[in-house]
Amino acid sequence: MNEVRKYFDAEWKECVLGIGIGVVAAVKGAILLAYYPDPLYHGIAYSFFAAALAISFICTTVIIRAPKDIVRVNAMLASDRSRIASEEIPRMEAVLRHFVIYRYLEITAIIVGIGAYFLLNEWPLVQGIFIGGGIMGLIFVVFDFFAETRGKRYLS
């Protein structure tokens, strides 16, 4: 299997896992709403729903796009290798720059979630929203670490 196929197949597989994480987050959110009347848990549920929607949308896009990307990049390799330098490398460099932004946002969500746990006891719904965001930020920072590492390896 060539390196291009390996990279995009791994992206596809991680996104299938990502959709699974989204489904689990949505189910956990539904359970929190249905069985826990405390506003704290409702806030966590709302964050889980938002994260489930986001990761499901992103991963569905990658799953649809990955097979086309394999064909596109392999065609570049077969017919005009200079397009790799002018198109694929700049595209991947932009993707990797986005991972830096995502990492900062995810770490911020984790820190805010921890802070909310200690500081927002008087506003349990808001506290729950931030705690849920922190939990999902922790999951996403791990998820994106592997995607970024894979992207760096692909780029080299």
Protein backbone atom coordinates (compact mmCIF):
# COMPACT_ATOMS: atom_id res chain seq x y z
CA MET A 1 0.00 0.00 0.00
CA ASN A 2 1.45 3.38 -0.93
CA GLU A 3 2.03 6.16 1.60
CA VAL A 4 -0.77 8.33 0.21
CA ARG A 5 -3.32 5.58 0.64
CA LYS A 6 -2.00 4.75 4.12
CA TYR A 7 -2.38 8.36 5.25
CA PHE A 8 -5.90 8.90 3.93
CA ASP A 9 -7.04 5.43 5.07
CA ALA A 10 -5.82 6.28 8.58
CA GLU A 11 -7.70 9.60 8.41
CA TRP A 12 -10.82 7.71 7.33
CA LYS A 13 -10.48 5.18 10.16
CA GLU A 14 -9.90 7.86 12.80
CA CYS A 15 -12.99 9.67 11.61
CA VAL A 16 -15.10 6.53 11.87
CA LEU A 17 -13.87 6.40 15.47
CA GLY A 18 -14.64 10.12 15.79
CA ILE A 19 -18.24 9.58 14.73
CA GLY A 20 -18.41 6.80 17.30
CA ILE A 21 -17.15 9.23 19.94
CA GLY A 22 -19.81 11.70 18.79
CA VAL A 23 -22.52 9.08 19.14
CA VAL A 24 -21.30 8.13 22.63
CA ALA A 25 -21.20 11.81 23.65
CA ALA A 26 -24.75 12.34 22.35
CA VAL A 27 -26.02 9.24 24.18
CA LYS A 28 -24.30 10.31 27.38
CA GLY A 29 -25.83 13.77 26.95
CA ALA A 30 -29.28 12.26 26.50
CA ILE A 31 -28.82 10.13 29.62
CA LEU A 32 -27.73 13.17 31.62
CA LEU A 33 -30.79 15.12 30.46
CA ALA A 34 -33.21 12.25 31.02
CA TYR A 35 -32.05 10.96 34.38
CA TYR A 36 -30.28 13.81 36.15
CA PRO A 37 -32.41 16.88 36.91
CA ASP A 38 -29.47 18.92 38.23
CA PRO A 39 -28.64 21.91 35.97
CA LEU A 40 -24.94 21.02 36.24
CA TYR A 41 -25.57 17.76 34.38
CA HIS A 42 -27.80 19.50 31.85
CA GLY A 43 -24.95 21.91 31.11
CA ILE A 44 -22.55 19.01 30.58
CA ALA A 45 -25.14 17.39 28.30
CA TYR A 46 -25.42 20.55 26.17
CA SER A 47 -21.65 20.60 25.70
CA PHE A 48 -21.68 16.93 24.79
CA PHE A 49 -24.38 17.55 22.17
CA ALA A 50 -22.45 20.47 20.66
CA ALA A 51 -19.23 18.44 20.54
CA ALA A 52 -21.05 15.44 19.06
CA LEU A 53 -22.43 17.61 16.27
CA ALA A 54 -19.05 19.20 15.59
CA ILE A 55 -17.04 15.98 15.45
CA SER A 56 -19.73 14.20 13.45
CA PHE A 57 -19.80 17.00 10.86
CA ILE A 58 -16.00 17.20 10.59
CA CYS A 59 -15.54 13.44 10.42
CA THR A 60 -18.34 12.91 7.91
CA THR A 61 -16.63 15.47 5.67
CA VAL A 62 -13.29 13.65 5.97
CA ILE A 63 -14.89 10.25 5.34
CA ILE A 64 -16.53 11.54 2.16
CA ARG A 65 -13.40 13.38 1.03
CA ALA A 66 -10.68 10.78 1.79
CA PRO A 67 -11.28 8.42 -1.16
CA LYS A 68 -11.29 11.41 -3.53
CA ASP A 69 -8.06 12.68 -1.97
CA ILE A 70 -6.37 9.34 -2.56
CA VAL A 71 -7.28 9.52 -6.25
CA ARG A 72 -6.33 13.22 -6.49
CA VAL A 73 -2.87 12.88 -4.89
CA ASN A 74 -2.03 9.63 -6.68
CA ALA A 75 -2.97 11.32 -9.98
CA MET A 76 -0.56 14.15 -9.11
CA LEU A 77 2.17 11.61 -8.40
CA ALA A 78 1.51 9.79 -11.66
CA SER A 79 1.13 12.73 -14.02
CA ASP A 80 2.64 15.92 -12.61
CA ARG A 81 4.78 15.61 -9.48
CA SER A 82 5.36 19.37 -9.41
CA ARG A 83 1.73 19.75 -8.29
CA ILE A 84 2.66 17.98 -5.05
CA ALA A 85 4.95 20.92 -4.20
CA SER A 86 2.54 23.58 -5.44
CA GLU A 87 -0.75 22.12 -4.15
CA GLU A 88 -0.53 19.21 -1.73
CA ILE A 89 2.34 20.42 0.45
CA PRO A 90 0.80 23.90 0.98
CA ARG A 91 -2.58 22.26 1.73
CA MET A 92 -1.01 20.02 4.36
CA GLU A 93 1.00 22.88 5.85
CA ALA A 94 -2.28 24.79 6.29
CA VAL A 95 -3.88 21.72 7.90
CA LEU A 96 -0.98 21.47 10.35
CA ARG A 97 -1.24 25.20 11.20
CA HIS A 98 -4.92 24.63 11.99
CA PHE A 99 -3.98 21.86 14.41
CA VAL A 100 -1.93 24.39 16.41
CA ILE A 101 -5.01 26.62 16.69
CA TYR A 102 -7.20 23.64 17.64
CA ARG A 103 -4.70 22.59 20.30
CA TYR A 104 -4.79 26.06 21.91
CA LEU A 105 -8.59 26.08 21.84
CA GLU A 106 -8.78 22.58 23.31
CA ILE A 107 -6.29 23.37 26.07
CA THR A 108 -8.21 26.56 26.81
CA ALA A 109 -11.44 24.55 27.06
CA ILE A 110 -9.76 22.15 29.50
CA ILE A 111 -8.44 25.00 31.67
CA VAL A 112 -11.78 26.83 31.63
CA GLY A 113 -13.55 23.58 32.51
CA ILE A 114 -11.27 23.07 35.50
CA GLY A 115 -11.71 26.69 36.55
CA ALA A 116 -15.50 26.41 36.21
CA TYR A 117 -15.48 23.37 38.46
CA PHE A 118 -13.98 25.45 41.26
CA LEU A 119 -15.36 28.92 40.57
CA LEU A 120 -18.89 28.69 39.18
CA ASN A 121 -20.72 26.81 41.91
CA GLU A 122 -23.46 29.45 42.04
CA TRP A 123 -24.30 28.95 38.34
CA PRO A 124 -24.51 25.18 37.89
CA LEU A 125 -25.82 25.26 34.31
CA VAL A 126 -22.94 27.46 33.14
CA GLN A 127 -20.55 25.44 35.26
CA GLY A 128 -21.75 22.27 33.56
CA ILE A 129 -21.40 23.76 30.09
CA PHE A 130 -17.77 24.64 30.78
CA ILE A 131 -17.01 21.34 32.51
CA GLY A 132 -18.51 19.44 29.56
CA GLY A 133 -16.47 21.58 27.19
CA GLY A 134 -13.36 20.74 29.18
CA ILE A 135 -14.10 17.03 29.04
CA MET A 136 -14.63 17.16 25.29
CA GLY A 137 -11.55 19.38 24.90
CA LEU A 138 -9.50 16.68 26.60
CA ILE A 139 -10.85 14.03 24.24
CA PHE A 140 -10.28 16.25 21.19
CA VAL A 141 -6.72 17.21 22.15
CA VAL A 142 -5.79 13.51 22.24
CA PHE A 143 -7.72 12.83 19.03
CA ASP A 144 -6.05 15.75 17.23
CA PHE A 145 -2.59 14.81 18.55
CA PHE A 146 -2.74 11.59 16.56
CA ALA A 147 -4.12 13.33 13.47
CA GLU A 148 -1.41 16.00 13.63
CA THR A 149 1.34 13.41 14.11
CA ARG A 150 0.03 11.48 11.14
CA GLY A 151 -0.11 14.68 9.06
CA LYS A 152 3.50 15.55 9.90
CA ARG A 153 4.60 12.06 8.93
CA TYR A 154 2.67 12.29 5.65
CA LEU A 155 4.15 15.69 4.87
CA SER A 156 7.70 14.44 5.36
